[in-house]
Amino acid sequence: QYLDYTFTLLGSIVQYFGMEAAKWFGIFGVLLWMTFAICYGRDALRGNRDPNTLVLLMLSGFAIVTAPMTALGRAAVGVDHALSTRYGTFCILLWACLFGLIWRRIGSLGKWPLKFLSIAALETLVIVSYLVWFRVASTHVNRANQMDEVTRELRLGVFDSEHVKNIFMPYFRTPPYEVRPLIEFLRSKKLSIFADVDS
């Protein structure tokens, strides 16, 4: 589960196609990085040291090292948690650097037309990653609508309905009846949805 979480996080840019696809894409990314690292080491031994390639390797290496560190603390929650958008920065950093490495390698080989293919591939990845956003956005919109509805019920004094319990408790982990004695205090301090007495 630890390794699954690590690779899924690194490949989460293609999570639109599912968790398994993200995991294998992450594995591919690590293997691709290792290939570039070996090629750079070989070139460096021959006296051909490209500082730009080294920077890209270091940045993508940072993303790769961060993934298992994150997995160490979060893998127990579940592999699907690796698809959380909060970890997208490391995945995007990895793949942006990898495509930068591809760009530079193609240039060094003198095959310039292939550069346009690498740009097209990167743009496709970016588009696929944005498709996921629509799913995430719809989830947050639904959650916000549910919370607005529960807020209205709580302000009206409805604490015990199943509707309130089913939505309120999963988000706040506090039973509504425990909130009731605190309402006046919350109103006086303007700390919550109960701050507006006239509502």
C-alpha atoms as a PDB file:
ATOM      1  CA  GLN A   1       0.000   0.000   0.000  1.00  0.00           C
ATOM      2  CA  TYR A   2       2.932   2.331   0.732  1.00  0.00           C
ATOM      3  CA  LEU A   3       4.402   1.885  -2.754  1.00  0.00           C
ATOM      4  CA  ASP A   4       0.979   2.067  -4.391  1.00  0.00           C
ATOM      5  CA  TYR A   5       0.357   5.389  -2.658  1.00  0.00           C
ATOM      6  CA  THR A   6       3.769   6.726  -3.722  1.00  0.00           C
ATOM      7  CA  PHE A   7       3.391   5.881  -7.401  1.00  0.00           C
ATOM      8  CA  THR A   8      -0.269   6.894  -7.513  1.00  0.00           C
ATOM      9  CA  LEU A   9       0.637  10.328  -6.164  1.00  0.00           C
ATOM     10  CA  LEU A  10       3.350  10.772  -8.803  1.00  0.00           C
ATOM     11  CA  GLY A  11       0.977   9.737 -11.571  1.00  0.00           C
ATOM     12  CA  SER A  12      -2.107  11.533 -10.301  1.00  0.00           C
ATOM     13  CA  ILE A  13      -1.997  13.907 -13.264  1.00  0.00           C
ATOM     14  CA  VAL A  14      -3.841  11.171 -15.220  1.00  0.00           C
ATOM     15  CA  GLN A  15      -6.267  10.243 -12.438  1.00  0.00           C
ATOM     16  CA  TYR A  16      -9.081  10.965 -14.873  1.00  0.00           C
ATOM     17  CA  PHE A  17      -8.472   7.418 -16.172  1.00  0.00           C
ATOM     18  CA  GLY A  18      -8.575   5.849 -12.722  1.00  0.00           C
ATOM     19  CA  MET A  19      -6.323   4.975  -9.817  1.00  0.00           C
ATOM     20  CA  GLU A  20      -4.621   2.050 -11.545  1.00  0.00           C
ATOM     21  CA  ALA A  21      -3.690   4.224 -14.520  1.00  0.00           C
ATOM     22  CA  ALA A  22      -2.263   6.844 -12.138  1.00  0.00           C
ATOM     23  CA  LYS A  23      -0.130   4.226 -10.372  1.00  0.00           C
ATOM     24  CA  TRP A  24       1.390   2.859 -13.579  1.00  0.00           C
ATOM     25  CA  PHE A  25       1.949   6.348 -14.940  1.00  0.00           C
ATOM     26  CA  GLY A  26       3.803   7.172 -11.733  1.00  0.00           C
ATOM     27  CA  ILE A  27       5.989   4.083 -12.145  1.00  0.00           C
ATOM     28  CA  PHE A  28       6.699   5.119 -15.734  1.00  0.00           C
ATOM     29  CA  GLY A  29       7.677   8.590 -14.544  1.00  0.00           C
ATOM     30  CA  VAL A  30      10.175   7.240 -12.009  1.00  0.00           C
ATOM     31  CA  LEU A  31      11.710   4.907 -14.608  1.00  0.00           C
ATOM     32  CA  LEU A  32      11.936   7.785 -17.078  1.00  0.00           C
ATOM     33  CA  TRP A  33      13.669   9.939 -14.464  1.00  0.00           C
ATOM     34  CA  MET A  34      16.161   7.156 -13.716  1.00  0.00           C
ATOM     35  CA  THR A  35      16.901   6.843 -17.437  1.00  0.00           C
ATOM     36  CA  PHE A  36      17.639  10.560 -17.729  1.00  0.00           C
ATOM     37  CA  ALA A  37      19.761  10.460 -14.562  1.00  0.00           C
ATOM     38  CA  ILE A  38      21.868   7.627 -15.987  1.00  0.00           C
ATOM     39  CA  CYS A  39      22.237   9.420 -19.319  1.00  0.00           C
ATOM     40  CA  TYR A  40      23.325  12.605 -17.563  1.00  0.00           C
ATOM     41  CA  GLY A  41      25.857  10.691 -15.456  1.00  0.00           C
ATOM     42  CA  ARG A  42      27.281   9.112 -18.565  1.00  0.00           C
ATOM     43  CA  ASP A  43      27.493  12.472 -20.345  1.00  0.00           C
ATOM     44  CA  ALA A  44      29.063  14.091 -17.273  1.00  0.00           C
ATOM     45  CA  LEU A  45      31.804  11.449 -17.213  1.00  0.00           C
ATOM     46  CA  ARG A  46      32.559  12.379 -20.818  1.00  0.00           C
ATOM     47  CA  GLY A  47      32.908  16.018 -19.852  1.00  0.00           C
ATOM     48  CA  ASN A  48      29.517  17.128 -21.192  1.00  0.00           C
ATOM     49  CA  ARG A  49      27.875  18.728 -18.159  1.00  0.00           C
ATOM     50  CA  ASP A  50      24.661  20.598 -18.899  1.00  0.00           C
ATOM     51  CA  PRO A  51      23.622  22.697 -15.859  1.00  0.00           C
ATOM     52  CA  ASN A  52      20.047  23.101 -17.146  1.00  0.00           C
ATOM     53  CA  THR A  53      19.587  19.341 -17.359  1.00  0.00           C
ATOM     54  CA  LEU A  54      21.026  18.990 -13.856  1.00  0.00           C
ATOM     55  CA  VAL A  55      18.534  21.522 -12.470  1.00  0.00           C
ATOM     56  CA  LEU A  56      15.611  19.688 -14.092  1.00  0.00           C
ATOM     57  CA  LEU A  57      16.869  16.391 -12.673  1.00  0.00           C
ATOM     58  CA  MET A  58      17.179  17.887  -9.195  1.00  0.00           C
ATOM     59  CA  LEU A  59      13.696  19.431  -9.252  1.00  0.00           C
ATOM     60  CA  SER A  60      12.035  16.262 -10.532  1.00  0.00           C
ATOM     61  CA  GLY A  61      14.103  14.267  -8.040  1.00  0.00           C
ATOM     62  CA  PHE A  62      12.752  16.483  -5.270  1.00  0.00           C
ATOM     63  CA  ALA A  63       9.200  15.636  -6.367  1.00  0.00           C
ATOM     64  CA  ILE A  64      10.004  11.922  -6.436  1.00  0.00           C
ATOM     65  CA  VAL A  65      11.588  11.988  -2.962  1.00  0.00           C
ATOM     66  CA  THR A  66       8.656  13.948  -1.533  1.00  0.00           C
ATOM     67  CA  ALA A  67       6.120  11.317  -2.646  1.00  0.00           C
ATOM     68  CA  PRO A  68       7.316   8.493  -0.331  1.00  0.00           C
ATOM     69  CA  MET A  69       7.662  10.997   2.515  1.00  0.00           C
ATOM     70  CA  THR A  70       4.007  11.929   2.033  1.00  0.00           C
ATOM     71  CA  ALA A  71       3.035   8.268   1.763  1.00  0.00           C
ATOM     72  CA  LEU A  72       4.753   7.557   5.067  1.00  0.00           C
ATOM     73  CA  GLY A  73       2.213   9.695   6.874  1.00  0.00           C
ATOM     74  CA  ARG A  74      -0.868   9.274   4.685  1.00  0.00           C
ATOM     75  CA  ALA A  75      -0.802   5.771   3.150  1.00  0.00           C
ATOM     76  CA  ALA A  76      -2.770   4.334   6.076  1.00  0.00           C
ATOM     77  CA  VAL A  77      -5.697   6.610   5.174  1.00  0.00           C
ATOM     78  CA  GLY A  78      -6.027   4.862   1.813  1.00  0.00           C
ATOM     79  CA  VAL A  79      -4.362   4.896  -1.598  1.00  0.00           C
ATOM     80  CA  ASP A  80      -7.210   6.966  -3.044  1.00  0.00           C
ATOM     81  CA  HIS A  81      -6.060   9.828  -0.810  1.00  0.00           C
ATOM     82  CA  ALA A  82      -3.012  10.147  -3.091  1.00  0.00           C
ATOM     83  CA  LEU A  83      -5.335  11.585  -5.732  1.00  0.00           C
ATOM     84  CA  SER A  84      -6.169  14.558  -3.531  1.00  0.00           C
ATOM     85  CA  THR A  85      -5.592  17.842  -5.343  1.00  0.00           C
ATOM     86  CA  ARG A  86      -3.504  19.133  -2.431  1.00  0.00           C
ATOM     87  CA  TYR A  87      -0.648  16.891  -3.612  1.00  0.00           C
ATOM     88  CA  GLY A  88      -0.936  17.856  -7.273  1.00  0.00           C
ATOM     89  CA  THR A  89       1.983  20.284  -7.079  1.00  0.00           C
ATOM     90  CA  PHE A  90       4.572  17.513  -6.772  1.00  0.00           C
ATOM     91  CA  CYS A  91       3.062  15.516  -9.618  1.00  0.00           C
ATOM     92  CA  ILE A  92       2.950  18.535 -11.921  1.00  0.00           C
ATOM     93  CA  LEU A  93       6.510  19.489 -10.978  1.00  0.00           C
ATOM     94  CA  LEU A  94       7.722  15.986 -11.837  1.00  0.00           C
ATOM     95  CA  TRP A  95       6.091  15.841 -15.241  1.00  0.00           C
ATOM     96  CA  ALA A  96       6.936  19.413 -16.216  1.00  0.00           C
ATOM     97  CA  CYS A  97      10.602  18.664 -15.484  1.00  0.00           C
ATOM     98  CA  LEU A  98      10.474  15.327 -17.303  1.00  0.00           C
ATOM     99  CA  PHE A  99       9.139  16.983 -20.421  1.00  0.00           C
ATOM    100  CA  GLY A 100      11.845  19.617 -20.054  1.00  0.00           C
ATOM    101  CA  LEU A 101      14.388  16.797 -19.983  1.00  0.00           C
ATOM    102  CA  ILE A 102      12.813  15.217 -23.058  1.00  0.00           C
ATOM    103  CA  TRP A 103      12.986  18.576 -24.826  1.00  0.00           C
ATOM    104  CA  ARG A 104      16.671  18.999 -24.070  1.00  0.00           C
ATOM    105  CA  ARG A 105      17.546  15.398 -24.985  1.00  0.00           C
ATOM    106  CA  ILE A 106      15.775  15.672 -28.330  1.00  0.00           C
ATOM    107  CA  GLY A 107      17.612  18.926 -29.004  1.00  0.00           C
ATOM    108  CA  SER A 108      20.965  17.361 -28.208  1.00  0.00           C
ATOM    109  CA  LEU A 109      20.224  14.541 -30.651  1.00  0.00           C
ATOM    110  CA  GLY A 110      19.425  17.047 -33.377  1.00  0.00           C
ATOM    111  CA  LYS A 111      15.875  15.772 -33.914  1.00  0.00           C
ATOM    112  CA  TRP A 112      14.094  19.096 -33.632  1.00  0.00           C
ATOM    113  CA  PRO A 113      10.734  18.071 -35.201  1.00  0.00           C
ATOM    114  CA  LEU A 114      10.209  15.676 -32.282  1.00  0.00           C
ATOM    115  CA  LYS A 115      10.198  18.668 -29.950  1.00  0.00           C
ATOM    116  CA  PHE A 116       6.770  19.609 -31.217  1.00  0.00           C
ATOM    117  CA  LEU A 117       5.510  16.137 -30.357  1.00  0.00           C
ATOM    118  CA  SER A 118       6.782  16.550 -26.802  1.00  0.00           C
ATOM    119  CA  ILE A 119       4.964  19.889 -26.520  1.00  0.00           C
ATOM    120  CA  ALA A 120       1.753  18.293 -27.820  1.00  0.00           C
ATOM    121  CA  ALA A 121       2.106  15.443 -25.312  1.00  0.00           C
ATOM    122  CA  LEU A 122       2.594  17.877 -22.426  1.00  0.00           C
ATOM    123  CA  GLU A 123      -0.415  19.942 -23.477  1.00  0.00           C
ATOM    124  CA  THR A 124      -2.503  16.767 -23.653  1.00  0.00           C
ATOM    125  CA  LEU A 125      -1.467  15.883 -20.103  1.00  0.00           C
ATOM    126  CA  VAL A 126      -2.421  19.355 -18.891  1.00  0.00           C
ATOM    127  CA  ILE A 127      -5.845  19.089 -20.544  1.00  0.00           C
ATOM    128  CA  VAL A 128      -6.430  15.654 -18.998  1.00  0.00           C
ATOM    129  CA  SER A 129      -5.459  17.006 -15.573  1.00  0.00           C
ATOM    130  CA  TYR A 130      -7.999  19.820 -15.944  1.00  0.00           C
ATOM    131  CA  LEU A 131     -10.761  17.339 -16.755  1.00  0.00           C
ATOM    132  CA  VAL A 132     -10.406  16.103 -13.181  1.00  0.00           C
ATOM    133  CA  TRP A 133     -11.048  19.630 -11.950  1.00  0.00           C
ATOM    134  CA  PHE A 134     -14.636  19.483 -13.171  1.00  0.00           C
ATOM    135  CA  ARG A 135     -15.256  16.441 -10.968  1.00  0.00           C
ATOM    136  CA  VAL A 136     -13.647  18.100  -7.961  1.00  0.00           C
ATOM    137  CA  ALA A 137     -15.483  21.354  -8.564  1.00  0.00           C
ATOM    138  CA  SER A 138     -18.880  19.643  -8.782  1.00  0.00           C
ATOM    139  CA  THR A 139     -18.176  17.825  -5.504  1.00  0.00           C
ATOM    140  CA  HIS A 140     -17.352  21.082  -3.716  1.00  0.00           C
ATOM    141  CA  VAL A 141     -20.398  22.835  -5.174  1.00  0.00           C
ATOM    142  CA  ASN A 142     -22.679  20.044  -3.935  1.00  0.00           C
ATOM    143  CA  ARG A 143     -21.033  20.147  -0.518  1.00  0.00           C
ATOM    144  CA  ALA A 144     -21.471  23.921  -0.308  1.00  0.00           C
ATOM    145  CA  ASN A 145     -25.157  23.621  -1.253  1.00  0.00           C
ATOM    146  CA  GLN A 146     -25.679  20.952   1.399  1.00  0.00           C
ATOM    147  CA  MET A 147     -23.982  23.074   4.043  1.00  0.00           C
ATOM    148  CA  ASP A 148     -26.130  26.083   3.105  1.00  0.00           C
ATOM    149  CA  GLU A 149     -29.241  23.985   3.546  1.00  0.00           C
ATOM    150  CA  VAL A 150     -28.110  22.632   6.911  1.00  0.00           C
ATOM    151  CA  THR A 151     -27.142  26.146   8.002  1.00  0.00           C
ATOM    152  CA  ARG A 152     -30.693  27.353   7.397  1.00  0.00           C
ATOM    153  CA  GLU A 153     -32.106  24.450   9.407  1.00  0.00           C
ATOM    154  CA  LEU A 154     -29.728  25.019  12.312  1.00  0.00           C
ATOM    155  CA  ARG A 155     -30.600  28.705  12.430  1.00  0.00           C
ATOM    156  CA  LEU A 156     -34.269  27.739  12.638  1.00  0.00           C
ATOM    157  CA  GLY A 157     -33.474  25.503  15.582  1.00  0.00           C
ATOM    158  CA  VAL A 158     -33.780  22.179  13.780  1.00  0.00           C
ATOM    159  CA  PHE A 159     -31.044  20.045  15.339  1.00  0.00           C
ATOM    160  CA  ASP A 160     -32.454  16.547  15.408  1.00  0.00           C
ATOM    161  CA  SER A 161     -33.566  15.817  11.867  1.00  0.00           C
ATOM    162  CA  GLU A 162     -31.839  12.980  10.046  1.00  0.00           C
ATOM    163  CA  HIS A 163     -30.952  15.419   7.290  1.00  0.00           C
ATOM    164  CA  VAL A 164     -28.950  17.597   9.678  1.00  0.00           C
ATOM    165  CA  LYS A 165     -27.258  14.632  11.329  1.00  0.00           C
ATOM    166  CA  ASN A 166     -26.241  13.008   8.046  1.00  0.00           C
ATOM    167  CA  ILE A 167     -24.598  16.144   6.665  1.00  0.00           C
ATOM    168  CA  PHE A 168     -23.469  18.010   9.775  1.00  0.00           C
ATOM    169  CA  MET A 169     -21.673  15.219  11.611  1.00  0.00           C
ATOM    170  CA  PRO A 170     -19.415  13.864   8.822  1.00  0.00           C
ATOM    171  CA  TYR A 171     -17.989  17.342   8.209  1.00  0.00           C
ATOM    172  CA  PHE A 172     -17.730  18.633  11.763  1.00  0.00           C
ATOM    173  CA  ARG A 173     -17.535  15.372  13.753  1.00  0.00           C
ATOM    174  CA  THR A 174     -19.665  17.029  16.419  1.00  0.00           C
ATOM    175  CA  PRO A 175     -23.240  15.966  17.197  1.00  0.00           C
ATOM    176  CA  PRO A 176     -25.704  18.844  16.713  1.00  0.00           C
ATOM    177  CA  TYR A 177     -26.976  18.519  20.312  1.00  0.00           C
ATOM    178  CA  GLU A 178     -23.480  19.429  21.565  1.00  0.00           C
ATOM    179  CA  VAL A 179     -23.602  22.656  19.563  1.00  0.00           C
ATOM    180  CA  ARG A 180     -26.972  23.791  20.936  1.00  0.00           C
ATOM    181  CA  PRO A 181     -25.691  24.960  24.400  1.00  0.00           C
ATOM    182  CA  LEU A 182     -22.973  27.013  22.706  1.00  0.00           C
ATOM    183  CA  ILE A 183     -25.201  29.009  20.383  1.00  0.00           C
ATOM    184  CA  GLU A 184     -25.501  32.122  22.553  1.00  0.00           C
ATOM    185  CA  PHE A 185     -21.759  32.205  23.130  1.00  0.00           C
ATOM    186  CA  LEU A 186     -21.098  31.774  19.406  1.00  0.00           C
ATOM    187  CA  ARG A 187     -23.533  34.546  18.611  1.00  0.00           C
ATOM    188  CA  SER A 188     -21.977  36.961  21.078  1.00  0.00           C
ATOM    189  CA  LYS A 189     -18.492  36.320  19.706  1.00  0.00           C
ATOM    190  CA  LYS A 190     -19.649  36.225  16.072  1.00  0.00           C
ATOM    191  CA  LEU A 191     -17.772  32.978  15.566  1.00  0.00           C
ATOM    192  CA  SER A 192     -20.210  30.944  13.503  1.00  0.00           C
ATOM    193  CA  ILE A 193     -23.293  30.749  11.355  1.00  0.00           C
ATOM    194  CA  PHE A 194     -25.313  31.732  14.424  1.00  0.00           C
ATOM    195  CA  ALA A 195     -23.682  35.170  14.635  1.00  0.00           C
ATOM    196  CA  ASP A 196     -26.533  36.894  12.809  1.00  0.00           C
ATOM    197  CA  VAL A 197     -29.307  36.875  15.385  1.00  0.00           C
ATOM    198  CA  ASP A 198     -31.927  38.240  12.974  1.00  0.00           C
ATOM    199  CA  SER A 199     -31.537  35.349  10.524  1.00  0.00           C
END
